[in-house]
Amino acid sequence: MDKSDAEPKSPGHKFMQSTFKMADELKVGFLGGGNMAKAIARGFITSEMVKAENIIASATTTKTLAVWKVKS
């Protein structure tokens, strides 16, 4: 018996495989770079669902935009 056959796979196994592929392909943009957008972006990066370089945000003030530029 093959070792891969002996180990049960979790119900989310295929989802997790596609999630890892998604990190290379998925791009996310935010209309507004406020606290909510920063929190969501941080979650995407921490969970490795989206690479930091694949996240963009718009901002109405240069102060807010500067925070996003520093984080990239």
PDB file of N, CA and C in Angstrom:
ATOM      1  N   MET A   1       0.842  -1.178   0.000  1.00  0.00           N
ATOM      2  CA  MET A   1       0.000   0.000   0.000  1.00  0.00           C
ATOM      3  C   MET A   1       0.886   1.239   0.000  1.00  0.00           C
ATOM      4  N   ASP A   2       0.530   2.196  -0.825  1.00  0.00           N
ATOM      5  CA  ASP A   2       1.258   3.458  -0.919  1.00  0.00           C
ATOM      6  C   ASP A   2       1.022   4.277   0.345  1.00  0.00           C
ATOM      7  N   LYS A   3       2.060   4.977   0.832  1.00  0.00           N
ATOM      8  CA  LYS A   3       1.934   5.779   2.054  1.00  0.00           C
ATOM      9  C   LYS A   3       0.845   6.837   1.920  1.00  0.00           C
ATOM     10  N   SER A   4       0.714   7.441   0.743  1.00  0.00           N
ATOM     11  CA  SER A   4      -0.306   8.473   0.549  1.00  0.00           C
ATOM     12  C   SER A   4      -1.709   7.897   0.656  1.00  0.00           C
ATOM     13  N   ASP A   5      -1.874   6.606   0.357  1.00  0.00           N
ATOM     14  CA  ASP A   5      -3.178   5.962   0.494  1.00  0.00           C
ATOM     15  C   ASP A   5      -3.508   5.703   1.960  1.00  0.00           C
ATOM     16  N   ALA A   6      -2.498   5.482   2.777  1.00  0.00           N
ATOM     17  CA  ALA A   6      -2.706   5.144   4.181  1.00  0.00           C
ATOM     18  C   ALA A   6      -3.111   6.359   5.012  1.00  0.00           C
ATOM     19  N   GLU A   7      -2.671   7.546   4.618  1.00  0.00           N
ATOM     20  CA  GLU A   7      -2.970   8.732   5.401  1.00  0.00           C
ATOM     21  C   GLU A   7      -4.281   9.347   4.931  1.00  0.00           C
ATOM     22  N   PRO A   8      -5.244   9.507   5.860  1.00  0.00           N
ATOM     23  CA  PRO A   8      -6.505  10.135   5.458  1.00  0.00           C
ATOM     24  C   PRO A   8      -6.287  11.615   5.154  1.00  0.00           C
ATOM     25  N   LYS A   9      -6.994  12.100   4.183  1.00  0.00           N
ATOM     26  CA  LYS A   9      -6.883  13.511   3.818  1.00  0.00           C
ATOM     27  C   LYS A   9      -8.027  14.281   4.472  1.00  0.00           C
ATOM     28  N   SER A  10      -7.733  15.488   4.902  1.00  0.00           N
ATOM     29  CA  SER A  10      -8.764  16.305   5.524  1.00  0.00           C
ATOM     30  C   SER A  10      -9.758  16.773   4.466  1.00  0.00           C
ATOM     31  N   PRO A  11     -10.979  17.132   4.874  1.00  0.00           N
ATOM     32  CA  PRO A  11     -11.978  17.585   3.902  1.00  0.00           C
ATOM     33  C   PRO A  11     -11.522  18.827   3.126  1.00  0.00           C
ATOM     34  N   GLY A  12     -10.702  19.645   3.744  1.00  0.00           N
ATOM     35  CA  GLY A  12     -10.242  20.870   3.088  1.00  0.00           C
ATOM     36  C   GLY A  12      -8.940  20.717   2.332  1.00  0.00           C
ATOM     37  N   HIS A  13      -8.488  19.472   2.155  1.00  0.00           N
ATOM     38  CA  HIS A  13      -7.199  19.212   1.520  1.00  0.00           C
ATOM     39  C   HIS A  13      -7.075  19.877   0.150  1.00  0.00           C
ATOM     40  N   LYS A  14      -8.058  19.670  -0.716  1.00  0.00           N
ATOM     41  CA  LYS A  14      -7.988  20.251  -2.061  1.00  0.00           C
ATOM     42  C   LYS A  14      -8.072  21.774  -1.995  1.00  0.00           C
ATOM     43  N   PHE A  15      -8.885  22.285  -1.070  1.00  0.00           N
ATOM     44  CA  PHE A  15      -8.989  23.734  -0.916  1.00  0.00           C
ATOM     45  C   PHE A  15      -7.641  24.321  -0.527  1.00  0.00           C
ATOM     46  N   MET A  16      -6.951  23.677   0.411  1.00  0.00           N
ATOM     47  CA  MET A  16      -5.662  24.192   0.858  1.00  0.00           C
ATOM     48  C   MET A  16      -4.629  24.142  -0.265  1.00  0.00           C
ATOM     49  N   GLN A  17      -4.675  23.101  -1.082  1.00  0.00           N
ATOM     50  CA  GLN A  17      -3.749  23.037  -2.208  1.00  0.00           C
ATOM     51  C   GLN A  17      -3.998  24.199  -3.154  1.00  0.00           C
ATOM     52  N   SER A  18      -5.269  24.495  -3.423  1.00  0.00           N
ATOM     53  CA  SER A  18      -5.569  25.600  -4.333  1.00  0.00           C
ATOM     54  C   SER A  18      -5.251  26.938  -3.682  1.00  0.00           C
ATOM     55  N   THR A  19      -5.348  27.023  -2.360  1.00  0.00           N
ATOM     56  CA  THR A  19      -5.021  28.262  -1.661  1.00  0.00           C
ATOM     57  C   THR A  19      -3.544  28.579  -1.817  1.00  0.00           C
ATOM     58  N   PHE A  20      -2.685  27.582  -1.734  1.00  0.00           N
ATOM     59  CA  PHE A  20      -1.260  27.823  -1.885  1.00  0.00           C
ATOM     60  C   PHE A  20      -0.950  28.312  -3.288  1.00  0.00           C
ATOM     61  N   LYS A  21      -1.616  27.772  -4.283  1.00  0.00           N
ATOM     62  CA  LYS A  21      -1.432  28.244  -5.649  1.00  0.00           C
ATOM     63  C   LYS A  21      -1.956  29.663  -5.792  1.00  0.00           C
ATOM     64  N   MET A  22      -3.025  29.969  -5.065  1.00  0.00           N
ATOM     65  CA  MET A  22      -3.666  31.266  -5.156  1.00  0.00           C
ATOM     66  C   MET A  22      -2.717  32.392  -4.743  1.00  0.00           C
ATOM     67  N   ALA A  23      -1.851  32.150  -3.782  1.00  0.00           N
ATOM     68  CA  ALA A  23      -0.944  33.182  -3.291  1.00  0.00           C
ATOM     69  C   ALA A  23      -0.074  33.730  -4.411  1.00  0.00           C
ATOM     70  N   ASP A  24       0.248  32.907  -5.383  1.00  0.00           N
ATOM     71  CA  ASP A  24       1.070  33.357  -6.497  1.00  0.00           C
ATOM     72  C   ASP A  24       0.259  34.152  -7.518  1.00  0.00           C
ATOM     73  N   GLU A  25      -1.024  33.900  -7.594  1.00  0.00           N
ATOM     74  CA  GLU A  25      -1.846  34.458  -8.664  1.00  0.00           C
ATOM     75  C   GLU A  25      -2.776  35.577  -8.226  1.00  0.00           C
ATOM     76  N   LEU A  26      -3.287  35.524  -7.017  1.00  0.00           N
ATOM     77  CA  LEU A  26      -4.315  36.447  -6.572  1.00  0.00           C
ATOM     78  C   LEU A  26      -3.753  37.845  -6.348  1.00  0.00           C
ATOM     79  N   LYS A  27      -4.489  38.838  -6.847  1.00  0.00           N
ATOM     80  CA  LYS A  27      -4.145  40.237  -6.615  1.00  0.00           C
ATOM     81  C   LYS A  27      -5.352  40.906  -5.982  1.00  0.00           C
ATOM     82  N   VAL A  28      -5.090  41.775  -4.996  1.00  0.00           N
ATOM     83  CA  VAL A  28      -6.163  42.421  -4.256  1.00  0.00           C
ATOM     84  C   VAL A  28      -5.937  43.923  -4.269  1.00  0.00           C
ATOM     85  N   GLY A  29      -6.999  44.670  -4.487  1.00  0.00           N
ATOM     86  CA  GLY A  29      -6.936  46.126  -4.433  1.00  0.00           C
ATOM     87  C   GLY A  29      -7.980  46.663  -3.473  1.00  0.00           C
ATOM     88  N   PHE A  30      -7.666  47.725  -2.791  1.00  0.00           N
ATOM     89  CA  PHE A  30      -8.580  48.354  -1.846  1.00  0.00           C
ATOM     90  C   PHE A  30      -8.893  49.766  -2.307  1.00  0.00           C
ATOM     91  N   LEU A  31     -10.168  50.118  -2.288  1.00  0.00           N
ATOM     92  CA  LEU A  31     -10.582  51.493  -2.541  1.00  0.00           C
ATOM     93  C   LEU A  31     -10.627  52.165  -1.182  1.00  0.00           C
ATOM     94  N   GLY A  32      -9.588  52.862  -0.876  1.00  0.00           N
ATOM     95  CA  GLY A  32      -9.431  53.456   0.447  1.00  0.00           C
ATOM     96  C   GLY A  32      -8.424  52.640   1.231  1.00  0.00           C
ATOM     97  N   GLY A  33      -7.457  53.304   1.799  1.00  0.00           N
ATOM     98  CA  GLY A  33      -6.382  52.606   2.506  1.00  0.00           C
ATOM     99  C   GLY A  33      -6.430  52.793   3.998  1.00  0.00           C
ATOM    100  N   GLY A  34      -7.630  52.869   4.556  1.00  0.00           N
ATOM    101  CA  GLY A  34      -7.771  53.100   5.994  1.00  0.00           C
ATOM    102  C   GLY A  34      -7.500  51.870   6.840  1.00  0.00           C
ATOM    103  N   ASN A  35      -7.920  51.959   8.105  1.00  0.00           N
ATOM    104  CA  ASN A  35      -7.634  50.906   9.076  1.00  0.00           C
ATOM    105  C   ASN A  35      -8.212  49.549   8.679  1.00  0.00           C
ATOM    106  N   MET A  36      -9.431  49.536   8.139  1.00  0.00           N
ATOM    107  CA  MET A  36     -10.050  48.269   7.755  1.00  0.00           C
ATOM    108  C   MET A  36      -9.255  47.605   6.625  1.00  0.00           C
ATOM    109  N   ALA A  37      -8.879  48.383   5.622  1.00  0.00           N
ATOM    110  CA  ALA A  37      -8.095  47.841   4.508  1.00  0.00           C
ATOM    111  C   ALA A  37      -6.753  47.318   4.993  1.00  0.00           C
ATOM    112  N   LYS A  38      -6.121  48.052   5.898  1.00  0.00           N
ATOM    113  CA  LYS A  38      -4.821  47.604   6.430  1.00  0.00           C
ATOM    114  C   LYS A  38      -4.964  46.301   7.203  1.00  0.00           C
ATOM    115  N   ALA A  39      -6.035  46.171   7.979  1.00  0.00           N
ATOM    116  CA  ALA A  39      -6.249  44.946   8.753  1.00  0.00           C
ATOM    117  C   ALA A  39      -6.501  43.750   7.836  1.00  0.00           C
ATOM    118  N   ILE A  40      -7.310  43.946   6.815  1.00  0.00           N
ATOM    119  CA  ILE A  40      -7.592  42.864   5.873  1.00  0.00           C
ATOM    120  C   ILE A  40      -6.328  42.479   5.117  1.00  0.00           C
ATOM    121  N   ALA A  41      -5.577  43.465   4.656  1.00  0.00           N
ATOM    122  CA  ALA A  41      -4.333  43.198   3.930  1.00  0.00           C
ATOM    123  C   ALA A  41      -3.349  42.439   4.814  1.00  0.00           C
ATOM    124  N   ARG A  42      -3.234  42.852   6.065  1.00  0.00           N
ATOM    125  CA  ARG A  42      -2.338  42.170   7.000  1.00  0.00           C
ATOM    126  C   ARG A  42      -2.755  40.712   7.170  1.00  0.00           C
ATOM    127  N   GLY A  43      -4.067  40.462   7.239  1.00  0.00           N
ATOM    128  CA  GLY A  43      -4.572  39.095   7.355  1.00  0.00           C
ATOM    129  C   GLY A  43      -4.233  38.259   6.130  1.00  0.00           C
ATOM    130  N   PHE A  44      -4.399  38.849   4.941  1.00  0.00           N
ATOM    131  CA  PHE A  44      -4.047  38.136   3.706  1.00  0.00           C
ATOM    132  C   PHE A  44      -2.570  37.767   3.689  1.00  0.00           C
ATOM    133  N   ILE A  45      -1.733  38.710   4.090  1.00  0.00           N
ATOM    134  CA  ILE A  45      -0.283  38.478   4.063  1.00  0.00           C
ATOM    135  C   ILE A  45       0.119  37.448   5.121  1.00  0.00           C
ATOM    136  N   THR A  46      -0.401  37.595   6.324  1.00  0.00           N
ATOM    137  CA  THR A  46      -0.066  36.685   7.420  1.00  0.00           C
ATOM    138  C   THR A  46      -0.493  35.255   7.108  1.00  0.00           C
ATOM    139  N   SER A  47      -1.673  35.104   6.501  1.00  0.00           N
ATOM    140  CA  SER A  47      -2.172  33.763   6.177  1.00  0.00           C
ATOM    141  C   SER A  47      -1.548  33.218   4.892  1.00  0.00           C
ATOM    142  N   GLU A  48      -0.742  34.048   4.236  1.00  0.00           N
ATOM    143  CA  GLU A  48      -0.069  33.687   2.987  1.00  0.00           C
ATOM    144  C   GLU A  48      -1.043  33.406   1.850  1.00  0.00           C
ATOM    145  N   MET A  49      -2.232  34.008   1.934  1.00  0.00           N
ATOM    146  CA  MET A  49      -3.200  33.866   0.840  1.00  0.00           C
ATOM    147  C   MET A  49      -2.841  34.781  -0.317  1.00  0.00           C
ATOM    148  N   VAL A  50      -2.235  35.918   0.003  1.00  0.00           N
ATOM    149  CA  VAL A  50      -1.855  36.895  -1.016  1.00  0.00           C
ATOM    150  C   VAL A  50      -0.467  37.416  -0.665  1.00  0.00           C
ATOM    151  N   LYS A  51       0.393  37.513  -1.652  1.00  0.00           N
ATOM    152  CA  LYS A  51       1.716  38.088  -1.430  1.00  0.00           C
ATOM    153  C   LYS A  51       1.585  39.599  -1.264  1.00  0.00           C
ATOM    154  N   ALA A  52       2.433  40.179  -0.444  1.00  0.00           N
ATOM    155  CA  ALA A  52       2.392  41.616  -0.179  1.00  0.00           C
ATOM    156  C   ALA A  52       2.516  42.433  -1.465  1.00  0.00           C
ATOM    157  N   GLU A  53       3.360  41.978  -2.388  1.00  0.00           N
ATOM    158  CA  GLU A  53       3.546  42.730  -3.625  1.00  0.00           C
ATOM    159  C   GLU A  53       2.335  42.668  -4.550  1.00  0.00           C
ATOM    160  N   ASN A  54       1.349  41.825  -4.210  1.00  0.00           N
ATOM    161  CA  ASN A  54       0.134  41.720  -5.011  1.00  0.00           C
ATOM    162  C   ASN A  54      -1.044  42.473  -4.397  1.00  0.00           C
ATOM    163  N   ILE A  55      -0.761  43.339  -3.435  1.00  0.00           N
ATOM    164  CA  ILE A  55      -1.809  44.129  -2.785  1.00  0.00           C
ATOM    165  C   ILE A  55      -1.578  45.602  -3.088  1.00  0.00           C
ATOM    166  N   ILE A  56      -2.641  46.268  -3.530  1.00  0.00           N
ATOM    167  CA  ILE A  56      -2.563  47.707  -3.793  1.00  0.00           C
ATOM    168  C   ILE A  56      -3.728  48.406  -3.099  1.00  0.00           C
ATOM    169  N   ALA A  57      -3.573  49.694  -2.873  1.00  0.00           N
ATOM    170  CA  ALA A  57      -4.638  50.467  -2.235  1.00  0.00           C
ATOM    171  C   ALA A  57      -4.635  51.885  -2.779  1.00  0.00           C
ATOM    172  N   SER A  58      -5.822  52.448  -2.850  1.00  0.00           N
ATOM    173  CA  SER A  58      -5.927  53.862  -3.197  1.00  0.00           C
ATOM    174  C   SER A  58      -6.080  54.645  -1.894  1.00  0.00           C
ATOM    175  N   ALA A  59      -5.743  55.903  -1.936  1.00  0.00           N
ATOM    176  CA  ALA A  59      -5.882  56.748  -0.749  1.00  0.00           C
ATOM    177  C   ALA A  59      -6.134  58.180  -1.187  1.00  0.00           C
ATOM    178  N   THR A  60      -6.950  58.884  -0.425  1.00  0.00           N
ATOM    179  CA  THR A  60      -7.261  60.275  -0.766  1.00  0.00           C
ATOM    180  C   THR A  60      -6.254  61.259  -0.186  1.00  0.00           C
ATOM    181  N   THR A  61      -5.488  60.817   0.799  1.00  0.00           N
ATOM    182  CA  THR A  61      -4.484  61.712   1.377  1.00  0.00           C
ATOM    183  C   THR A  61      -3.093  61.130   1.185  1.00  0.00           C
ATOM    184  N   THR A  62      -2.119  62.004   1.072  1.00  0.00           N
ATOM    185  CA  THR A  62      -0.734  61.544   0.913  1.00  0.00           C
ATOM    186  C   THR A  62      -0.236  60.868   2.190  1.00  0.00           C
ATOM    187  N   LYS A  63      -0.787  61.272   3.342  1.00  0.00           N
ATOM    188  CA  LYS A  63      -0.391  60.657   4.616  1.00  0.00           C
ATOM    189  C   LYS A  63      -0.769  59.169   4.632  1.00  0.00           C
ATOM    190  N   THR A  64      -2.003  58.864   4.228  1.00  0.00           N
ATOM    191  CA  THR A  64      -2.452  57.472   4.190  1.00  0.00           C
ATOM    192  C   THR A  64      -1.681  56.695   3.138  1.00  0.00           C
ATOM    193  N   LEU A  65      -1.468  57.289   1.997  1.00  0.00           N
ATOM    194  CA  LEU A  65      -0.742  56.620   0.922  1.00  0.00           C
ATOM    195  C   LEU A  65       0.700  56.315   1.346  1.00  0.00           C
ATOM    196  N   ALA A  66       1.296  57.205   2.100  1.00  0.00           N
ATOM    197  CA  ALA A  66       2.667  57.002   2.564  1.00  0.00           C
ATOM    198  C   ALA A  66       2.791  55.761   3.439  1.00  0.00           C
ATOM    199  N   VAL A  67       1.777  55.492   4.255  1.00  0.00           N
ATOM    200  CA  VAL A  67       1.800  54.308   5.119  1.00  0.00           C
ATOM    201  C   VAL A  67       1.830  53.047   4.256  1.00  0.00           C
ATOM    202  N   TRP A  68       1.066  53.020   3.183  1.00  0.00           N
ATOM    203  CA  TRP A  68       1.040  51.858   2.291  1.00  0.00           C
ATOM    204  C   TRP A  68       2.354  51.704   1.544  1.00  0.00           C
ATOM    205  N   LYS A  69       2.973  52.781   1.160  1.00  0.00           N
ATOM    206  CA  LYS A  69       4.251  52.700   0.431  1.00  0.00           C
ATOM    207  C   LYS A  69       5.347  52.138   1.313  1.00  0.00           C
ATOM    208  N   VAL A  70       5.354  52.500   2.580  1.00  0.00           N
ATOM    209  CA  VAL A  70       6.365  52.011   3.517  1.00  0.00           C
ATOM    210  C   VAL A  70       6.205  50.510   3.730  1.00  0.00           C
ATOM    211  N   LYS A  71       4.973  50.030   3.779  1.00  0.00           N
ATOM    212  CA  LYS A  71       4.724  48.620   4.050  1.00  0.00           C
ATOM    213  C   LYS A  71       5.060  47.742   2.868  1.00  0.00           C
ATOM    214  N   SER A  72       5.147  48.284   1.668  1.00  0.00           N
ATOM    215  CA  SER A  72       5.410  47.455   0.484  1.00  0.00           C
ATOM    216  C   SER A  72       6.851  47.157   0.279  1.00  0.00           C
TER     217      SER A  72
END
